[in-house]
Amino acid sequence: MGPNGSGTTTTIRIALGILRPDAGTVRLLDGLPAAEGVAQGWLPPRHRGLLRKEKVSNVLRFLGRLRGLSKTVIFSTHVLSDVEEMCERVALIADSRLILFGDLAEIRRSRGANDVVVEAPSRPDDLPAAQTHAGRAGLVEYRFSDDLTPEMILSSYASSGIVLSRFEQVLPSLNEIFIEEVSNVRQNS
């Protein structure tokens, strides 16, 4: 994944043998060189273009079957919620450089929680505004800051006598990580 113009599609085309690199190499599957046999196993030549003509639901079923067979699936999309749902490992390319690669769950854990989700019948008056969740009455999300820690949120509810049915620290979404990483690359360029 990567922002428009970052080189993601070009990298995949090189890995599939559709394009030749101007310089350098592309490696797949824990360092194996991108070889035509490996890449063609992902999408055989006679099926090129198949996914473009299919409904999204059929493509997702196809990819799910491949994953169920323990096959490696290269999945490129701008819909990061799909990546979170379907992928175990991710690669983020920005400005033609690999800036993030690894196990998605580990990447999210390494960033630490930055939000807390609270479910309760009401909210204390002394807390700043929180993001409410549509469709779930009483469910709100607070973003941590120097002025608002999980302990302060919990203490505020307790001192207000509000009983919580849920208090959960939330790891950052892939979208939040994506924005942060791409912003850092662009600021340092």
Protein backbone atom coordinates (compact mmCIF):
# COMPACT_ATOMS: atom_id res chain seq x y z
CA MET A 1 0.00 0.00 0.00
CA GLY A 2 1.09 3.56 -0.47
CA PRO A 3 -0.16 6.97 -1.53
CA ASN A 4 -0.83 7.66 -5.20
CA GLY A 5 2.41 7.96 -7.13
CA SER A 6 4.51 6.21 -4.48
CA GLY A 7 5.59 3.31 -6.69
CA THR A 8 3.30 0.58 -5.34
CA THR A 9 1.83 -0.48 -8.70
CA THR A 10 5.23 -0.28 -10.39
CA THR A 11 6.75 -2.48 -7.66
CA ILE A 12 4.02 -5.09 -8.11
CA ARG A 13 4.44 -5.02 -11.91
CA ILE A 14 8.19 -5.55 -11.51
CA ALA A 15 7.58 -8.40 -9.06
CA LEU A 16 5.20 -10.02 -11.56
CA GLY A 17 7.70 -9.67 -14.38
CA ILE A 18 5.47 -7.28 -16.33
CA LEU A 19 8.08 -4.49 -16.09
CA ARG A 20 11.85 -4.57 -15.69
CA PRO A 21 13.45 -2.36 -13.02
CA ASP A 22 15.68 0.53 -14.06
CA ALA A 23 17.94 -0.35 -11.12
CA GLY A 24 17.90 -2.51 -8.00
CA THR A 25 15.91 -5.65 -7.33
CA VAL A 26 12.52 -6.64 -5.96
CA ARG A 27 12.40 -9.50 -3.47
CA LEU A 28 9.33 -11.38 -2.31
CA LEU A 29 8.51 -13.97 0.30
CA ASP A 30 11.17 -13.35 2.93
CA GLY A 31 13.91 -12.46 0.49
CA LEU A 32 13.31 -14.75 -2.46
CA PRO A 33 14.00 -12.89 -5.68
CA ALA A 34 10.87 -11.97 -7.59
CA ALA A 35 10.84 -14.69 -10.22
CA GLU A 36 8.38 -15.27 -13.00
CA GLY A 37 7.42 -18.69 -11.59
CA VAL A 38 6.67 -17.28 -8.14
CA ALA A 39 4.73 -14.32 -9.46
CA GLN A 40 2.79 -16.31 -12.05
CA GLY A 41 1.69 -18.67 -9.30
CA TRP A 42 -0.18 -15.73 -7.83
CA LEU A 43 -2.13 -15.01 -11.01
CA PRO A 44 -1.48 -17.29 -14.01
CA PRO A 45 -0.94 -15.52 -17.37
CA ARG A 46 -4.16 -16.91 -18.89
CA HIS A 47 -6.10 -15.21 -16.06
CA ARG A 48 -4.56 -11.75 -16.35
CA GLY A 49 -7.38 -9.26 -16.32
CA LEU A 50 -9.74 -11.74 -14.63
CA LEU A 51 -9.96 -9.75 -11.41
CA ARG A 52 -10.69 -6.50 -13.26
CA LYS A 53 -13.86 -7.97 -14.76
CA GLU A 54 -15.20 -9.65 -11.62
CA LYS A 55 -17.52 -8.29 -8.95
CA VAL A 56 -15.75 -7.31 -5.73
CA SER A 57 -17.57 -10.05 -3.78
CA ASN A 58 -16.26 -12.71 -6.21
CA VAL A 59 -12.71 -11.37 -5.97
CA LEU A 60 -12.86 -11.42 -2.17
CA ARG A 61 -14.12 -15.04 -2.20
CA PHE A 62 -11.29 -15.97 -4.60
CA LEU A 63 -8.68 -14.32 -2.39
CA GLY A 64 -10.18 -15.99 0.69
CA ARG A 65 -9.86 -19.42 -0.94
CA LEU A 66 -6.20 -18.74 -1.76
CA ARG A 67 -5.55 -17.65 1.81
CA GLY A 68 -7.33 -20.77 3.10
CA LEU A 69 -4.91 -22.85 1.01
CA SER A 70 -1.99 -21.08 2.73
CA LYS A 71 -1.06 -19.27 -0.47
CA THR A 72 0.59 -15.88 -0.47
CA VAL A 73 -1.72 -13.21 -1.84
CA ILE A 74 -0.41 -9.83 -2.96
CA PHE A 75 -3.21 -7.37 -2.34
CA SER A 76 -2.96 -3.70 -3.29
CA THR A 77 -5.75 -1.30 -2.38
CA HIS A 78 -6.50 2.18 -1.10
CA VAL A 79 -9.19 0.80 1.24
CA LEU A 80 -7.16 0.31 4.41
CA SER A 81 -10.07 -1.20 6.35
CA ASP A 82 -9.98 -4.08 3.82
CA VAL A 83 -6.26 -4.48 4.45
CA GLU A 84 -6.85 -4.65 8.22
CA GLU A 85 -9.52 -7.29 7.74
CA MET A 86 -7.77 -9.47 5.16
CA CYS A 87 -4.00 -9.13 5.59
CA GLU A 88 -1.54 -10.46 8.13
CA ARG A 89 1.54 -8.72 6.76
CA VAL A 90 1.74 -5.31 5.14
CA ALA A 91 4.22 -3.25 3.18
CA LEU A 92 3.98 0.53 2.91
CA ILE A 93 5.78 2.30 0.09
CA ALA A 94 6.14 6.08 -0.03
CA ASP A 95 8.20 8.08 -2.50
CA SER A 96 9.50 4.83 -4.07
CA ARG A 97 10.90 3.55 -0.76
CA LEU A 98 9.72 0.76 1.51
CA ILE A 99 9.03 2.55 4.79
CA LEU A 100 7.09 -0.05 6.75
CA PHE A 101 6.93 -3.84 6.49
CA GLY A 102 5.86 -6.60 8.81
CA ASP A 103 3.13 -8.34 10.73
CA LEU A 104 0.13 -6.00 10.93
CA ALA A 105 -0.85 -6.95 14.47
CA GLU A 106 2.72 -6.42 15.69
CA ILE A 107 2.98 -3.06 13.91
CA ARG A 108 -0.25 -1.90 15.60
CA ARG A 109 0.91 -3.20 19.03
CA SER A 110 4.30 -1.50 18.67
CA ARG A 111 2.56 1.88 18.28
CA GLY A 112 0.67 1.44 21.54
CA ALA A 113 -2.87 2.44 22.35
CA ASN A 114 -3.77 6.06 21.69
CA ASP A 115 -7.53 5.94 22.25
CA VAL A 116 -9.91 4.49 24.77
CA VAL A 117 -13.45 3.34 24.03
CA VAL A 118 -15.97 3.73 26.84
CA GLU A 119 -19.51 2.42 26.99
CA ALA A 120 -21.71 3.90 29.70
CA PRO A 121 -25.23 5.31 30.10
CA SER A 122 -23.91 8.90 30.32
CA ARG A 123 -20.71 10.98 30.22
CA PRO A 124 -19.02 13.03 32.93
CA ASP A 125 -19.19 16.79 32.46
CA ASP A 126 -15.50 17.36 33.22
CA LEU A 127 -14.13 15.45 30.20
CA PRO A 128 -13.50 17.04 26.80
CA ALA A 129 -15.73 16.19 23.87
CA ALA A 130 -15.42 12.62 22.65
CA GLN A 131 -16.08 11.01 19.31
CA THR A 132 -19.41 9.18 19.45
CA HIS A 133 -20.02 5.94 17.59
CA ALA A 134 -23.05 5.96 15.32
CA GLY A 135 -25.49 3.18 16.01
CA ARG A 136 -24.25 2.44 19.53
CA ALA A 137 -25.84 4.61 22.18
CA GLY A 138 -23.45 5.31 25.03
CA LEU A 139 -20.31 4.31 23.12
CA VAL A 140 -17.67 7.05 22.91
CA GLU A 141 -13.99 7.21 22.04
CA TYR A 142 -11.43 9.51 23.69
CA ARG A 143 -8.03 10.37 22.17
CA PHE A 144 -5.14 10.39 24.65
CA SER A 145 -3.03 13.50 25.14
CA ASP A 146 -0.82 14.99 27.84
CA ASP A 147 -4.00 16.50 29.31
CA LEU A 148 -6.08 13.32 29.00
CA THR A 149 -4.80 9.91 30.07
CA PRO A 150 -6.70 6.62 30.48
CA GLU A 151 -6.40 6.99 34.23
CA MET A 152 -7.97 10.47 34.11
CA ILE A 153 -10.86 9.19 31.98
CA LEU A 154 -11.55 6.26 34.31
CA SER A 155 -11.27 8.47 37.38
CA SER A 156 -13.70 11.01 35.92
CA TYR A 157 -16.35 8.34 35.29
CA ALA A 158 -15.81 6.83 38.76
CA SER A 159 -16.02 10.17 40.59
CA SER A 160 -19.22 10.98 38.66
CA GLY A 161 -20.74 7.69 39.80
CA ILE A 162 -21.20 6.45 36.24
CA VAL A 163 -20.97 2.67 35.89
CA LEU A 164 -19.02 1.51 32.84
CA SER A 165 -19.99 -1.52 30.80
CA ARG A 166 -16.83 -1.22 28.67
CA PHE A 167 -13.44 0.47 29.01
CA GLU A 168 -10.97 -0.57 26.34
CA GLN A 169 -7.71 0.92 25.16
CA VAL A 170 -7.66 0.86 21.35
CA LEU A 171 -4.63 0.35 19.14
CA PRO A 172 -4.19 2.75 16.22
CA SER A 173 -5.88 1.83 12.96
CA LEU A 174 -3.87 1.11 9.86
CA ASN A 175 -5.23 4.34 8.42
CA GLU A 176 -3.78 6.33 11.36
CA ILE A 177 -0.41 4.56 10.99
CA PHE A 178 -0.44 5.15 7.22
CA ILE A 179 -1.08 8.89 7.63
CA GLU A 180 1.63 9.22 10.30
CA GLU A 181 4.26 7.29 8.33
CA VAL A 182 3.62 9.03 5.00
CA SER A 183 3.56 12.45 6.74
CA ASN A 184 6.93 11.69 8.39
CA VAL A 185 8.50 10.70 5.06
CA ARG A 186 7.18 13.82 3.34
CA GLN A 187 8.32 16.13 6.17
CA ASN A 188 11.83 14.65 6.09
CA SER A 189 12.17 14.82 2.29
